[in-house]
């Protein structure tokens, strides 16, 4: 289960979402909302209110004569209960 939840995303939009206590993660396409919610609550010891997910469009890539697509993945936005937070940067 833990190999399906990827890493946090930091873009301009996701930084704005941090102000509303919402965090964005890339996850495996096979993951569902319930699985992501359980993993986030267990790993970060927080209370999740809602999980929104969407699949990003595939992009064409060409390397030399070989054409293909980027890997498929899903992005989730997790809303936490007030008073909880996820540390995105370590103190080391």
C-alpha atoms as a PDB file:
ATOM      1  CA  UNK A   1       0.000   0.000   0.000  1.00  0.00           C
ATOM      2  CA  UNK A   2       2.720   2.495   0.882  1.00  0.00           C
ATOM      3  CA  UNK A   3       4.402   2.201  -2.498  1.00  0.00           C
ATOM      4  CA  UNK A   4       1.278   3.584  -4.157  1.00  0.00           C
ATOM      5  CA  UNK A   5       1.340   6.981  -2.415  1.00  0.00           C
ATOM      6  CA  UNK A   6       4.094   9.070  -3.934  1.00  0.00           C
ATOM      7  CA  UNK A   7       5.465  12.411  -2.954  1.00  0.00           C
ATOM      8  CA  UNK A   8       4.058  15.873  -2.129  1.00  0.00           C
ATOM      9  CA  UNK A   9       3.691  18.359  -4.981  1.00  0.00           C
ATOM     10  CA  UNK A  10       4.887  21.950  -4.633  1.00  0.00           C
ATOM     11  CA  UNK A  11       3.625  24.295  -7.342  1.00  0.00           C
ATOM     12  CA  UNK A  12       2.142  27.780  -7.186  1.00  0.00           C
ATOM     13  CA  UNK A  13      -1.365  26.367  -6.865  1.00  0.00           C
ATOM     14  CA  UNK A  14      -0.484  23.820  -4.187  1.00  0.00           C
ATOM     15  CA  UNK A  15       1.321  26.479  -2.144  1.00  0.00           C
ATOM     16  CA  UNK A  16      -1.884  28.542  -2.207  1.00  0.00           C
ATOM     17  CA  UNK A  17      -3.792  25.441  -1.077  1.00  0.00           C
ATOM     18  CA  UNK A  18      -1.490  25.084   1.942  1.00  0.00           C
ATOM     19  CA  UNK A  19      -3.090  28.228   3.378  1.00  0.00           C
ATOM     20  CA  UNK A  20      -6.429  26.353   3.404  1.00  0.00           C
ATOM     21  CA  UNK A  21      -4.838  23.278   5.044  1.00  0.00           C
ATOM     22  CA  UNK A  22      -4.904  21.258   1.802  1.00  0.00           C
ATOM     23  CA  UNK A  23      -1.958  19.159   0.621  1.00  0.00           C
ATOM     24  CA  UNK A  24      -1.319  17.681  -2.823  1.00  0.00           C
ATOM     25  CA  UNK A  25       0.328  14.304  -3.560  1.00  0.00           C
ATOM     26  CA  UNK A  26       1.049  12.194  -6.630  1.00  0.00           C
ATOM     27  CA  UNK A  27      -0.168   8.636  -6.214  1.00  0.00           C
ATOM     28  CA  UNK A  28      -0.378   5.468  -8.267  1.00  0.00           C
ATOM     29  CA  UNK A  29      -3.307   5.228 -10.685  1.00  0.00           C
ATOM     30  CA  UNK A  30      -4.572   2.084  -8.903  1.00  0.00           C
ATOM     31  CA  UNK A  31      -4.975   3.913  -5.561  1.00  0.00           C
ATOM     32  CA  UNK A  32      -8.438   4.913  -4.457  1.00  0.00           C
ATOM     33  CA  UNK A  33      -9.518   7.725  -2.136  1.00  0.00           C
ATOM     34  CA  UNK A  34     -10.144   5.476   0.855  1.00  0.00           C
ATOM     35  CA  UNK A  35      -6.696   3.914   0.584  1.00  0.00           C
ATOM     36  CA  UNK A  36      -5.007   7.327   0.296  1.00  0.00           C
ATOM     37  CA  UNK A  37      -6.959   8.686   3.290  1.00  0.00           C
ATOM     38  CA  UNK A  38      -5.978   5.724   5.489  1.00  0.00           C
ATOM     39  CA  UNK A  39      -2.327   5.958   4.497  1.00  0.00           C
ATOM     40  CA  UNK A  40      -2.082   9.732   5.086  1.00  0.00           C
ATOM     41  CA  UNK A  41      -3.780   9.440   8.487  1.00  0.00           C
ATOM     42  CA  UNK A  42      -1.536   6.555   9.525  1.00  0.00           C
ATOM     43  CA  UNK A  43       1.771   7.913   8.233  1.00  0.00           C
ATOM     44  CA  UNK A  44       1.436  11.583   9.249  1.00  0.00           C
ATOM     45  CA  UNK A  45      -0.834  11.072  12.299  1.00  0.00           C
ATOM     46  CA  UNK A  46      -3.408  13.628  11.099  1.00  0.00           C
ATOM     47  CA  UNK A  47      -7.188  13.690  10.602  1.00  0.00           C
ATOM     48  CA  UNK A  48      -8.299  13.863   6.947  1.00  0.00           C
ATOM     49  CA  UNK A  49     -11.654  15.531   6.160  1.00  0.00           C
ATOM     50  CA  UNK A  50     -11.765  15.063   2.378  1.00  0.00           C
ATOM     51  CA  UNK A  51      -9.800  13.608  -0.523  1.00  0.00           C
ATOM     52  CA  UNK A  52     -10.204  14.906  -4.081  1.00  0.00           C
ATOM     53  CA  UNK A  53      -8.459  13.172  -6.953  1.00  0.00           C
ATOM     54  CA  UNK A  54      -7.926  13.607 -10.675  1.00  0.00           C
ATOM     55  CA  UNK A  55      -5.876  11.949 -13.403  1.00  0.00           C
ATOM     56  CA  UNK A  56      -3.542  14.219 -15.273  1.00  0.00           C
ATOM     57  CA  UNK A  57      -3.443  13.999 -19.075  1.00  0.00           C
ATOM     58  CA  UNK A  58      -0.653  11.986 -20.685  1.00  0.00           C
ATOM     59  CA  UNK A  59       1.964  13.936 -22.596  1.00  0.00           C
ATOM     60  CA  UNK A  60       3.670  12.830 -25.809  1.00  0.00           C
ATOM     61  CA  UNK A  61       7.434  12.417 -25.588  1.00  0.00           C
ATOM     62  CA  UNK A  62       9.892  11.745 -28.363  1.00  0.00           C
ATOM     63  CA  UNK A  63      13.479  10.614 -27.864  1.00  0.00           C
ATOM     64  CA  UNK A  64      15.215  10.310 -31.201  1.00  0.00           C
ATOM     65  CA  UNK A  65      13.133   8.113 -33.480  1.00  0.00           C
ATOM     66  CA  UNK A  66      11.166   6.577 -30.592  1.00  0.00           C
ATOM     67  CA  UNK A  67       7.851   8.215 -29.739  1.00  0.00           C
ATOM     68  CA  UNK A  68       5.829   7.444 -26.632  1.00  0.00           C
ATOM     69  CA  UNK A  69       3.938   8.854 -23.680  1.00  0.00           C
ATOM     70  CA  UNK A  70       4.818   9.795 -20.121  1.00  0.00           C
ATOM     71  CA  UNK A  71       3.765   7.474 -17.312  1.00  0.00           C
ATOM     72  CA  UNK A  72       0.198   7.717 -16.018  1.00  0.00           C
ATOM     73  CA  UNK A  73      -0.381   8.924 -12.459  1.00  0.00           C
ATOM     74  CA  UNK A  74      -3.091  10.417 -10.298  1.00  0.00           C
ATOM     75  CA  UNK A  75      -2.945  13.562  -8.181  1.00  0.00           C
ATOM     76  CA  UNK A  76      -4.877  13.882  -4.923  1.00  0.00           C
ATOM     77  CA  UNK A  77      -5.654  16.926  -2.812  1.00  0.00           C
ATOM     78  CA  UNK A  78      -6.088  16.056   0.859  1.00  0.00           C
ATOM     79  CA  UNK A  79      -7.936  18.443   3.189  1.00  0.00           C
ATOM     80  CA  UNK A  80      -6.987  18.167   6.851  1.00  0.00           C
ATOM     81  CA  UNK A  81      -8.981  19.052   9.938  1.00  0.00           C
ATOM     82  CA  UNK A  82      -8.011  22.406  11.452  1.00  0.00           C
ATOM     83  CA  UNK A  83      -5.199  22.103  13.950  1.00  0.00           C
ATOM     84  CA  UNK A  84      -3.368  19.418  11.959  1.00  0.00           C
ATOM     85  CA  UNK A  85      -0.536  19.897   9.479  1.00  0.00           C
ATOM     86  CA  UNK A  86       1.957  17.858   7.468  1.00  0.00           C
ATOM     87  CA  UNK A  87       5.656  18.833   7.614  1.00  0.00           C
ATOM     88  CA  UNK A  88       6.800  19.100   3.990  1.00  0.00           C
ATOM     89  CA  UNK A  89      10.401  20.007   4.744  1.00  0.00           C
ATOM     90  CA  UNK A  90      12.576  18.255   7.302  1.00  0.00           C
ATOM     91  CA  UNK A  91      14.394  20.245   9.992  1.00  0.00           C
ATOM     92  CA  UNK A  92      17.739  18.606   9.169  1.00  0.00           C
END
